């Protein structure tokens, strides 16, 4: 099924992902590596695209980001 998203932004959590990652002094590659340990596969380039909001985020990816960045899922939607 095709995804239809109005506007230029493809997610609303990317800015928080970047903020939380930087707060933990974690590189995009380190985040990708840690996600892989819990069977959530997002490459470094895709993390970059999530952060600049040019890529969608699935529910399992958001769950994985929440686990690795140690933030509740709701906090990814704050400031949006």
PDB file of N, CA and C in Angstrom:
ATOM      1  N   UNK A   1       0.841  -1.172   0.000  1.00  0.00           N
ATOM      2  CA  UNK A   1       0.000   0.000   0.000  1.00  0.00           C
ATOM      3  C   UNK A   1       0.890   1.239   0.000  1.00  0.00           C
ATOM      4  N   UNK A   2       0.582   2.170  -0.840  1.00  0.00           N
ATOM      5  CA  UNK A   2       1.352   3.410  -0.921  1.00  0.00           C
ATOM      6  C   UNK A   2       1.053   4.287   0.289  1.00  0.00           C
ATOM      7  N   UNK A   3       2.047   5.019   0.698  1.00  0.00           N
ATOM      8  CA  UNK A   3       1.881   5.966   1.789  1.00  0.00           C
ATOM      9  C   UNK A   3       1.609   7.339   1.197  1.00  0.00           C
ATOM     10  N   UNK A   4       0.597   7.991   1.705  1.00  0.00           N
ATOM     11  CA  UNK A   4       0.275   9.325   1.229  1.00  0.00           C
ATOM     12  C   UNK A   4       0.433  10.281   2.398  1.00  0.00           C
ATOM     13  N   UNK A   5       1.361  11.197   2.260  1.00  0.00           N
ATOM     14  CA  UNK A   5       1.647  12.153   3.322  1.00  0.00           C
ATOM     15  C   UNK A   5       1.632  13.539   2.712  1.00  0.00           C
ATOM     16  N   UNK A   6       0.791  14.399   3.259  1.00  0.00           N
ATOM     17  CA  UNK A   6       0.729  15.769   2.780  1.00  0.00           C
ATOM     18  C   UNK A   6       1.869  16.574   3.372  1.00  0.00           C
ATOM     19  N   UNK A   7       2.401  17.489   2.600  1.00  0.00           N
ATOM     20  CA  UNK A   7       3.464  18.354   3.085  1.00  0.00           C
ATOM     21  C   UNK A   7       4.835  17.756   2.865  1.00  0.00           C
ATOM     22  N   UNK A   8       5.839  18.513   3.257  1.00  0.00           N
ATOM     23  CA  UNK A   8       7.222  18.091   3.036  1.00  0.00           C
ATOM     24  C   UNK A   8       7.730  17.174   4.133  1.00  0.00           C
ATOM     25  N   UNK A   9       7.272  17.352   5.365  1.00  0.00           N
ATOM     26  CA  UNK A   9       7.752  16.540   6.473  1.00  0.00           C
ATOM     27  C   UNK A   9       7.073  15.177   6.467  1.00  0.00           C
ATOM     28  N   UNK A  10       7.876  14.134   6.620  1.00  0.00           N
ATOM     29  CA  UNK A  10       7.349  12.784   6.591  1.00  0.00           C
ATOM     30  C   UNK A  10       7.232  12.165   7.985  1.00  0.00           C
ATOM     31  N   UNK A  11       7.652  12.895   9.021  1.00  0.00           N
ATOM     32  CA  UNK A  11       7.444  12.453  10.398  1.00  0.00           C
ATOM     33  C   UNK A  11       7.432  13.681  11.299  1.00  0.00           C
ATOM     34  N   UNK A  12       6.975  13.499  12.525  1.00  0.00           N
ATOM     35  CA  UNK A  12       6.963  14.619  13.470  1.00  0.00           C
ATOM     36  C   UNK A  12       7.863  14.354  14.673  1.00  0.00           C
ATOM     37  N   UNK A  13       8.617  13.256  14.636  1.00  0.00           N
ATOM     38  CA  UNK A  13       9.458  12.905  15.783  1.00  0.00           C
ATOM     39  C   UNK A  13      10.943  13.132  15.535  1.00  0.00           C
ATOM     40  N   UNK A  14      11.320  13.432  14.302  1.00  0.00           N
ATOM     41  CA  UNK A  14      12.735  13.517  13.939  1.00  0.00           C
ATOM     42  C   UNK A  14      13.552  14.503  14.742  1.00  0.00           C
ATOM     43  N   UNK A  15      12.995  15.666  15.013  1.00  0.00           N
ATOM     44  CA  UNK A  15      13.763  16.667  15.764  1.00  0.00           C
ATOM     45  C   UNK A  15      14.034  16.197  17.194  1.00  0.00           C
ATOM     46  N   UNK A  16      13.085  15.470  17.772  1.00  0.00           N
ATOM     47  CA  UNK A  16      13.292  14.944  19.123  1.00  0.00           C
ATOM     48  C   UNK A  16      14.304  13.792  19.105  1.00  0.00           C
ATOM     49  N   UNK A  17      14.262  12.967  18.076  1.00  0.00           N
ATOM     50  CA  UNK A  17      15.253  11.894  17.950  1.00  0.00           C
ATOM     51  C   UNK A  17      16.651  12.499  17.969  1.00  0.00           C
ATOM     52  N   UNK A  18      16.855  13.525  17.161  1.00  0.00           N
ATOM     53  CA  UNK A  18      18.163  14.180  17.087  1.00  0.00           C
ATOM     54  C   UNK A  18      18.543  14.783  18.436  1.00  0.00           C
ATOM     55  N   UNK A  19      17.605  15.479  19.065  1.00  0.00           N
ATOM     56  CA  UNK A  19      17.869  16.104  20.366  1.00  0.00           C
ATOM     57  C   UNK A  19      18.284  15.063  21.397  1.00  0.00           C
ATOM     58  N   UNK A  20      17.516  13.976  21.509  1.00  0.00           N
ATOM     59  CA  UNK A  20      17.821  12.943  22.499  1.00  0.00           C
ATOM     60  C   UNK A  20      19.149  12.252  22.201  1.00  0.00           C
ATOM     61  N   UNK A  21      19.432  12.017  20.918  1.00  0.00           N
ATOM     62  CA  UNK A  21      20.698  11.366  20.532  1.00  0.00           C
ATOM     63  C   UNK A  21      21.881  12.248  20.917  1.00  0.00           C
ATOM     64  N   UNK A  22      21.790  13.528  20.625  1.00  0.00           N
ATOM     65  CA  UNK A  22      22.882  14.459  20.935  1.00  0.00           C
ATOM     66  C   UNK A  22      23.044  14.608  22.444  1.00  0.00           C
ATOM     67  N   UNK A  23      21.937  14.645  23.184  1.00  0.00           N
ATOM     68  CA  UNK A  23      22.016  14.725  24.648  1.00  0.00           C
ATOM     69  C   UNK A  23      22.828  13.573  25.219  1.00  0.00           C
ATOM     70  N   UNK A  24      22.738  12.422  24.580  1.00  0.00           N
ATOM     71  CA  UNK A  24      23.471  11.238  25.046  1.00  0.00           C
ATOM     72  C   UNK A  24      24.848  11.112  24.395  1.00  0.00           C
ATOM     73  N   UNK A  25      25.239  12.154  23.652  1.00  0.00           N
ATOM     74  CA  UNK A  25      26.551  12.172  22.990  1.00  0.00           C
ATOM     75  C   UNK A  25      26.762  10.910  22.143  1.00  0.00           C
ATOM     76  N   UNK A  26      25.729  10.577  21.389  1.00  0.00           N
ATOM     77  CA  UNK A  26      25.735   9.370  20.580  1.00  0.00           C
ATOM     78  C   UNK A  26      25.748   9.763  19.102  1.00  0.00           C
ATOM     79  N   UNK A  27      26.591   9.139  18.332  1.00  0.00           N
ATOM     80  CA  UNK A  27      26.601   9.377  16.890  1.00  0.00           C
ATOM     81  C   UNK A  27      25.435   8.635  16.246  1.00  0.00           C
ATOM     82  N   UNK A  28      25.128   9.026  15.025  1.00  0.00           N
ATOM     83  CA  UNK A  28      24.080   8.319  14.292  1.00  0.00           C
ATOM     84  C   UNK A  28      24.463   6.855  14.100  1.00  0.00           C
ATOM     85  N   UNK A  29      25.739   6.591  13.830  1.00  0.00           N
ATOM     86  CA  UNK A  29      26.181   5.210  13.644  1.00  0.00           C
ATOM     87  C   UNK A  29      26.054   4.421  14.939  1.00  0.00           C
ATOM     88  N   UNK A  30      26.400   5.029  16.071  1.00  0.00           N
ATOM     89  CA  UNK A  30      26.269   4.342  17.356  1.00  0.00           C
ATOM     90  C   UNK A  30      24.806   4.010  17.638  1.00  0.00           C
ATOM     91  N   UNK A  31      23.904   4.935  17.303  1.00  0.00           N
ATOM     92  CA  UNK A  31      22.476   4.676  17.489  1.00  0.00           C
ATOM     93  C   UNK A  31      22.040   3.515  16.609  1.00  0.00           C
ATOM     94  N   UNK A  32      22.446   3.511  15.360  1.00  0.00           N
ATOM     95  CA  UNK A  32      22.099   2.414  14.452  1.00  0.00           C
ATOM     96  C   UNK A  32      22.623   1.083  14.989  1.00  0.00           C
ATOM     97  N   UNK A  33      23.849   1.080  15.495  1.00  0.00           N
ATOM     98  CA  UNK A  33      24.441  -0.146  16.036  1.00  0.00           C
ATOM     99  C   UNK A  33      23.665  -0.644  17.256  1.00  0.00           C
ATOM    100  N   UNK A  34      23.265   0.257  18.142  1.00  0.00           N
ATOM    101  CA  UNK A  34      22.519  -0.142  19.337  1.00  0.00           C
ATOM    102  C   UNK A  34      21.118  -0.638  18.981  1.00  0.00           C
ATOM    103  N   UNK A  35      20.484  -0.014  17.996  1.00  0.00           N
ATOM    104  CA  UNK A  35      19.178  -0.481  17.555  1.00  0.00           C
ATOM    105  C   UNK A  35      19.258  -1.911  17.031  1.00  0.00           C
ATOM    106  N   UNK A  36      20.341  -2.217  16.343  1.00  0.00           N
ATOM    107  CA  UNK A  36      20.512  -3.562  15.788  1.00  0.00           C
ATOM    108  C   UNK A  36      20.534  -4.624  16.887  1.00  0.00           C
ATOM    109  N   UNK A  37      21.017  -4.275  18.073  1.00  0.00           N
ATOM    110  CA  UNK A  37      21.080  -5.253  19.168  1.00  0.00           C
ATOM    111  C   UNK A  37      19.698  -5.649  19.672  1.00  0.00           C
ATOM    112  N   UNK A  38      18.673  -4.847  19.353  1.00  0.00           N
ATOM    113  CA  UNK A  38      17.306  -5.202  19.737  1.00  0.00           C
ATOM    114  C   UNK A  38      16.462  -5.501  18.491  1.00  0.00           C
ATOM    115  N   UNK A  39      17.136  -5.871  17.414  1.00  0.00           N
ATOM    116  CA  UNK A  39      16.503  -6.301  16.163  1.00  0.00           C
ATOM    117  C   UNK A  39      15.647  -5.217  15.510  1.00  0.00           C
ATOM    118  N   UNK A  40      16.081  -3.973  15.631  1.00  0.00           N
ATOM    119  CA  UNK A  40      15.463  -2.864  14.916  1.00  0.00           C
ATOM    120  C   UNK A  40      16.545  -2.350  13.972  1.00  0.00           C
ATOM    121  N   UNK A  41      16.326  -2.531  12.689  1.00  0.00           N
ATOM    122  CA  UNK A  41      17.369  -2.257  11.706  1.00  0.00           C
ATOM    123  C   UNK A  41      17.103  -0.941  10.978  1.00  0.00           C
ATOM    124  N   UNK A  42      17.827   0.094  11.409  1.00  0.00           N
ATOM    125  CA  UNK A  42      17.789   1.407  10.757  1.00  0.00           C
ATOM    126  C   UNK A  42      19.243   1.793  10.505  1.00  0.00           C
ATOM    127  N   UNK A  43      19.625   1.949   9.255  1.00  0.00           N
ATOM    128  CA  UNK A  43      21.012   2.303   8.958  1.00  0.00           C
ATOM    129  C   UNK A  43      21.280   3.769   9.308  1.00  0.00           C
ATOM    130  N   UNK A  44      22.547   4.135   9.363  1.00  0.00           N
ATOM    131  CA  UNK A  44      22.941   5.493   9.732  1.00  0.00           C
ATOM    132  C   UNK A  44      22.298   6.531   8.803  1.00  0.00           C
ATOM    133  N   UNK A  45      22.270   6.236   7.515  1.00  0.00           N
ATOM    134  CA  UNK A  45      21.670   7.164   6.569  1.00  0.00           C
ATOM    135  C   UNK A  45      20.180   7.364   6.812  1.00  0.00           C
ATOM    136  N   UNK A  46      19.507   6.308   7.182  1.00  0.00           N
ATOM    137  CA  UNK A  46      18.073   6.428   7.476  1.00  0.00           C
ATOM    138  C   UNK A  46      17.841   7.212   8.760  1.00  0.00           C
ATOM    139  N   UNK A  47      18.726   7.073   9.736  1.00  0.00           N
ATOM    140  CA  UNK A  47      18.605   7.880  10.949  1.00  0.00           C
ATOM    141  C   UNK A  47      18.746   9.356  10.591  1.00  0.00           C
ATOM    142  N   UNK A  48      19.681   9.676   9.709  1.00  0.00           N
ATOM    143  CA  UNK A  48      19.844  11.051   9.257  1.00  0.00           C
ATOM    144  C   UNK A  48      18.561  11.564   8.608  1.00  0.00           C
ATOM    145  N   UNK A  49      17.942  10.737   7.777  1.00  0.00           N
ATOM    146  CA  UNK A  49      16.718  11.141   7.091  1.00  0.00           C
ATOM    147  C   UNK A  49      15.533  11.241   8.056  1.00  0.00           C
ATOM    148  N   UNK A  50      15.525  10.400   9.088  1.00  0.00           N
ATOM    149  CA  UNK A  50      14.487  10.537  10.120  1.00  0.00           C
ATOM    150  C   UNK A  50      14.659  11.874  10.823  1.00  0.00           C
ATOM    151  N   UNK A  51      15.882  12.184  11.190  1.00  0.00           N
ATOM    152  CA  UNK A  51      16.151  13.426  11.913  1.00  0.00           C
ATOM    153  C   UNK A  51      15.829  14.664  11.089  1.00  0.00           C
ATOM    154  N   UNK A  52      16.048  14.607   9.773  1.00  0.00           N
ATOM    155  CA  UNK A  52      15.699  15.787   8.958  1.00  0.00           C
ATOM    156  C   UNK A  52      14.277  15.690   8.391  1.00  0.00           C
ATOM    157  N   UNK A  53      13.550  14.713   8.869  1.00  0.00           N
ATOM    158  CA  UNK A  53      12.117  14.529   8.602  1.00  0.00           C
ATOM    159  C   UNK A  53      11.790  14.253   7.135  1.00  0.00           C
ATOM    160  N   UNK A  54      12.714  13.611   6.427  1.00  0.00           N
ATOM    161  CA  UNK A  54      12.468  13.238   5.044  1.00  0.00           C
ATOM    162  C   UNK A  54      12.181  11.743   4.898  1.00  0.00           C
ATOM    163  N   UNK A  55      12.035  11.044   6.030  1.00  0.00           N
ATOM    164  CA  UNK A  55      11.731   9.601   6.030  1.00  0.00           C
ATOM    165  C   UNK A  55      10.675   9.322   7.087  1.00  0.00           C
ATOM    166  N   UNK A  56       9.767   8.422   6.764  1.00  0.00           N
ATOM    167  CA  UNK A  56       8.761   8.030   7.743  1.00  0.00           C
ATOM    168  C   UNK A  56       9.385   7.140   8.818  1.00  0.00           C
ATOM    169  N   UNK A  57       8.662   6.985   9.928  1.00  0.00           N
ATOM    170  CA  UNK A  57       9.116   6.147  11.043  1.00  0.00           C
ATOM    171  C   UNK A  57       8.000   5.155  11.354  1.00  0.00           C
ATOM    172  N   UNK A  58       8.333   3.875  11.362  1.00  0.00           N
ATOM    173  CA  UNK A  58       7.319   2.865  11.697  1.00  0.00           C
ATOM    174  C   UNK A  58       7.155   2.773  13.206  1.00  0.00           C
ATOM    175  N   UNK A  59       6.109   2.113  13.632  1.00  0.00           N
ATOM    176  CA  UNK A  59       5.873   1.969  15.067  1.00  0.00           C
ATOM    177  C   UNK A  59       6.986   1.179  15.748  1.00  0.00           C
ATOM    178  N   UNK A  60       7.479   0.123  15.119  1.00  0.00           N
ATOM    179  CA  UNK A  60       8.552  -0.672  15.729  1.00  0.00           C
ATOM    180  C   UNK A  60       9.846   0.139  15.792  1.00  0.00           C
ATOM    181  N   UNK A  61      10.080   0.980  14.794  1.00  0.00           N
ATOM    182  CA  UNK A  61      11.266   1.842  14.825  1.00  0.00           C
ATOM    183  C   UNK A  61      11.162   2.856  15.956  1.00  0.00           C
ATOM    184  N   UNK A  62       9.981   3.438  16.139  1.00  0.00           N
ATOM    185  CA  UNK A  62       9.793   4.391  17.232  1.00  0.00           C
ATOM    186  C   UNK A  62       9.968   3.698  18.577  1.00  0.00           C
ATOM    187  N   UNK A  63       9.443   2.482  18.702  1.00  0.00           N
ATOM    188  CA  UNK A  63       9.632   1.711  19.933  1.00  0.00           C
ATOM    189  C   UNK A  63      11.125   1.498  20.188  1.00  0.00           C
ATOM    190  N   UNK A  64      11.867   1.106  19.159  1.00  0.00           N
ATOM    191  CA  UNK A  64      13.301   0.871  19.313  1.00  0.00           C
ATOM    192  C   UNK A  64      14.045   2.141  19.700  1.00  0.00           C
ATOM    193  N   UNK A  65      13.711   3.245  19.070  1.00  0.00           N
ATOM    194  CA  UNK A  65      14.351   4.521  19.416  1.00  0.00           C
ATOM    195  C   UNK A  65      14.067   4.871  20.875  1.00  0.00           C
ATOM    196  N   UNK A  66      12.829   4.623  21.299  1.00  0.00           N
ATOM    197  CA  UNK A  66      12.452   4.879  22.683  1.00  0.00           C
ATOM    198  C   UNK A  66      13.286   4.031  23.651  1.00  0.00           C
ATOM    199  N   UNK A  67      13.477   2.766  23.311  1.00  0.00           N
ATOM    200  CA  UNK A  67      14.250   1.866  24.169  1.00  0.00           C
ATOM    201  C   UNK A  67      15.713   2.283  24.262  1.00  0.00           C
ATOM    202  N   UNK A  68      16.324   2.542  23.132  1.00  0.00           N
ATOM    203  CA  UNK A  68      17.757   2.853  23.100  1.00  0.00           C
ATOM    204  C   UNK A  68      18.040   4.241  23.663  1.00  0.00           C
ATOM    205  N   UNK A  69      17.185   5.202  23.364  1.00  0.00           N
ATOM    206  CA  UNK A  69      17.410   6.566  23.853  1.00  0.00           C
ATOM    207  C   UNK A  69      16.843   6.770  25.266  1.00  0.00           C
ATOM    208  N   UNK A  70      16.204   5.722  25.790  1.00  0.00           N
ATOM    209  CA  UNK A  70      15.667   5.701  27.158  1.00  0.00           C
ATOM    210  C   UNK A  70      14.715   6.873  27.417  1.00  0.00           C
ATOM    211  N   UNK A  71      13.776   7.040  26.485  1.00  0.00           N
ATOM    212  CA  UNK A  71      12.761   8.086  26.588  1.00  0.00           C
ATOM    213  C   UNK A  71      11.399   7.463  26.331  1.00  0.00           C
ATOM    214  N   UNK A  72      10.367   7.914  27.049  1.00  0.00           N
ATOM    215  CA  UNK A  72       9.024   7.396  26.756  1.00  0.00           C
ATOM    216  C   UNK A  72       8.578   7.823  25.357  1.00  0.00           C
ATOM    217  N   UNK A  73       7.803   6.985  24.720  1.00  0.00           N
ATOM    218  CA  UNK A  73       7.373   7.275  23.351  1.00  0.00           C
ATOM    219  C   UNK A  73       6.701   8.641  23.263  1.00  0.00           C
ATOM    220  N   UNK A  74       5.896   8.997  24.234  1.00  0.00           N
ATOM    221  CA  UNK A  74       5.208  10.288  24.206  1.00  0.00           C
ATOM    222  C   UNK A  74       6.147  11.475  24.122  1.00  0.00           C
ATOM    223  N   UNK A  75       7.344  11.337  24.674  1.00  0.00           N
ATOM    224  CA  UNK A  75       8.272  12.471  24.668  1.00  0.00           C
ATOM    225  C   UNK A  75       8.786  12.802  23.260  1.00  0.00           C
ATOM    226  N   UNK A  76       8.649  11.875  22.319  1.00  0.00           N
ATOM    227  CA  UNK A  76       9.076  12.140  20.956  1.00  0.00           C
ATOM    228  C   UNK A  76       8.111  13.087  20.240  1.00  0.00           C
ATOM    229  N   UNK A  77       6.915  13.264  20.810  1.00  0.00           N
ATOM    230  CA  UNK A  77       5.902  14.119  20.191  1.00  0.00           C
ATOM    231  C   UNK A  77       5.824  15.499  20.826  1.00  0.00           C
ATOM    232  N   UNK A  78       6.601  15.758  21.867  1.00  0.00           N
ATOM    233  CA  UNK A  78       6.597  17.055  22.507  1.00  0.00           C
ATOM    234  C   UNK A  78       7.249  18.080  21.584  1.00  0.00           C
ATOM    235  N   UNK A  79       6.849  19.331  21.720  1.00  0.00           N
ATOM    236  CA  UNK A  79       7.370  20.432  20.909  1.00  0.00           C
ATOM    237  C   UNK A  79       6.994  20.325  19.446  1.00  0.00           C
ATOM    238  N   UNK A  80       5.944  19.590  19.131  1.00  0.00           N
ATOM    239  CA  UNK A  80       5.509  19.454  17.722  1.00  0.00           C
ATOM    240  C   UNK A  80       4.160  20.099  17.542  1.00  0.00           C
TER     241      UNK A  80
END
